[in-house]
Amino acid sequence: MSNFENLKVWHKAIELAVNIYNTTANNKSFAKDFELRDQIRRAAVSISSNISEGDELGTDKQAIRQFYIAKGSSAELFTQITISGKIGYLRRPEYESLLKECKTISAMLSNLIKARLK
């Protein structure tokens, strides 16, 4: 097993979570809709949390399972960001940038899973 702190995808996921926290903290719409805000934050934190958990479990099989969960959290976050954009909580450039980050992380997780399957 490698050290999760050396994984680029873990760093990207941390950056995304920080971006989500900053975006939702400075947005009046999210201040009113605390349920959506909290759900988006939980999904964002879940990505990096599952990457680190998986990498520390000791076997590739266990790690891959957690990486798939992280990938699912990325898809969940993607959906929540999409909804937030469509209901006007996020400006188009803002939500497009966040969606791009989710897609990048998901692709990186797919590559990490493939590497661990070998």
Protein backbone atom coordinates (compact mmCIF):
# COMPACT_ATOMS: atom_id res chain seq x y z
CA MET A 1 0.00 0.00 0.00
CA SER A 2 1.13 3.50 -0.65
CA ASN A 3 0.80 6.49 1.60
CA PHE A 4 -2.43 8.29 0.70
CA GLU A 5 -0.74 11.66 1.28
CA ASN A 6 1.33 10.92 -1.82
CA LEU A 7 -1.73 10.31 -3.99
CA LYS A 8 -2.50 13.20 -6.37
CA VAL A 9 -6.17 12.27 -6.34
CA TRP A 10 -6.29 12.67 -2.55
CA HIS A 11 -4.83 16.19 -2.86
CA LYS A 12 -7.32 17.05 -5.62
CA ALA A 13 -10.18 15.78 -3.45
CA ILE A 14 -8.99 17.89 -0.51
CA GLU A 15 -8.85 20.96 -2.79
CA LEU A 16 -12.36 20.25 -4.01
CA ALA A 17 -13.70 19.92 -0.46
CA VAL A 18 -12.09 23.23 0.51
CA ASN A 19 -13.58 24.86 -2.62
CA ILE A 20 -17.01 23.49 -1.70
CA TYR A 21 -16.73 24.77 1.86
CA ASN A 22 -15.64 28.21 0.67
CA THR A 23 -18.31 28.36 -2.01
CA THR A 24 -21.14 27.34 0.31
CA ALA A 25 -19.92 29.56 3.18
CA ASN A 26 -19.90 32.70 1.04
CA ASN A 27 -23.23 32.12 -0.69
CA LYS A 28 -26.49 33.51 0.69
CA SER A 29 -28.60 30.87 -1.05
CA PHE A 30 -26.76 28.06 0.71
CA ALA A 31 -27.06 29.89 4.03
CA LYS A 32 -30.84 29.57 3.70
CA ASP A 33 -30.79 26.00 2.38
CA PHE A 34 -28.67 24.40 5.07
CA GLU A 35 -29.80 20.87 4.20
CA LEU A 36 -28.42 21.07 0.66
CA ARG A 37 -25.33 22.90 1.91
CA ASP A 38 -24.61 20.21 4.48
CA GLN A 39 -25.25 17.38 2.00
CA ILE A 40 -22.86 18.93 -0.53
CA ARG A 41 -20.22 19.37 2.15
CA ARG A 42 -20.61 15.77 3.37
CA ALA A 43 -20.27 14.40 -0.16
CA ALA A 44 -17.16 16.52 -0.80
CA VAL A 45 -15.50 15.43 2.44
CA SER A 46 -16.43 11.81 1.78
CA ILE A 47 -14.30 11.66 -1.36
CA SER A 48 -10.95 12.35 0.31
CA SER A 49 -11.97 10.48 3.45
CA ASN A 50 -12.67 7.27 1.52
CA ILE A 51 -9.45 7.59 -0.46
CA SER A 52 -7.39 7.85 2.72
CA GLU A 53 -9.36 5.12 4.47
CA GLY A 54 -8.97 2.76 1.55
CA ASP A 55 -5.27 3.35 1.22
CA GLU A 56 -4.73 2.59 4.91
CA LEU A 57 -6.75 -0.64 5.09
CA GLY A 58 -3.90 -2.90 4.12
CA THR A 59 -5.03 -4.75 1.01
CA ASP A 60 -5.71 -3.73 -2.57
CA LYS A 61 -9.15 -5.40 -2.39
CA GLN A 62 -10.15 -3.26 0.60
CA ALA A 63 -8.62 -0.15 -0.94
CA ILE A 64 -10.44 -0.64 -4.24
CA ARG A 65 -13.78 -0.95 -2.43
CA GLN A 66 -13.20 2.41 -0.70
CA PHE A 67 -12.02 4.00 -3.95
CA TYR A 68 -15.30 2.94 -5.56
CA ILE A 69 -17.16 4.54 -2.65
CA ALA A 70 -15.13 7.73 -3.18
CA LYS A 71 -16.05 7.59 -6.87
CA GLY A 72 -19.71 7.30 -5.88
CA SER A 73 -19.38 10.31 -3.59
CA SER A 74 -17.87 12.24 -6.49
CA ALA A 75 -20.91 11.39 -8.62
CA GLU A 76 -23.21 12.39 -5.76
CA LEU A 77 -21.40 15.72 -5.45
CA PHE A 78 -21.56 16.20 -9.23
CA THR A 79 -25.34 15.80 -9.09
CA GLN A 80 -25.72 18.20 -6.16
CA ILE A 81 -23.57 20.83 -7.88
CA THR A 82 -25.63 20.41 -11.07
CA ILE A 83 -28.85 20.95 -9.13
CA SER A 84 -27.35 23.95 -7.33
CA GLY A 85 -26.48 25.50 -10.66
CA LYS A 86 -29.87 24.82 -12.20
CA ILE A 87 -31.76 26.37 -9.27
CA GLY A 88 -29.54 29.45 -9.34
CA TYR A 89 -27.43 28.91 -6.23
CA LEU A 90 -24.23 28.85 -8.28
CA ARG A 91 -23.24 30.99 -11.25
CA ARG A 92 -22.49 29.07 -14.43
CA PRO A 93 -18.68 29.50 -14.42
CA GLU A 94 -18.59 28.51 -10.75
CA TYR A 95 -20.58 25.31 -11.10
CA GLU A 96 -18.89 24.35 -14.37
CA SER A 97 -15.50 24.61 -12.66
CA LEU A 98 -16.68 22.46 -9.74
CA LEU A 99 -18.19 19.90 -12.12
CA LYS A 100 -14.88 19.72 -13.99
CA GLU A 101 -13.09 19.03 -10.70
CA CYS A 102 -15.52 16.18 -9.95
CA LYS A 103 -14.96 14.64 -13.39
CA THR A 104 -11.19 14.92 -13.00
CA ILE A 105 -11.27 13.22 -9.60
CA SER A 106 -13.56 10.48 -10.88
CA ALA A 107 -11.21 9.78 -13.80
CA MET A 108 -8.21 9.74 -11.45
CA LEU A 109 -10.02 7.27 -9.19
CA SER A 110 -10.78 5.04 -12.17
CA ASN A 111 -7.08 5.01 -13.03
CA LEU A 112 -6.12 4.29 -9.42
CA ILE A 113 -8.59 1.39 -9.28
CA LYS A 114 -7.18 -0.05 -12.52
CA ALA A 115 -3.65 0.22 -11.14
CA ARG A 116 -4.60 -1.56 -7.92
CA LEU A 117 -6.40 -4.35 -9.82
CA LYS A 118 -3.11 -5.39 -11.44
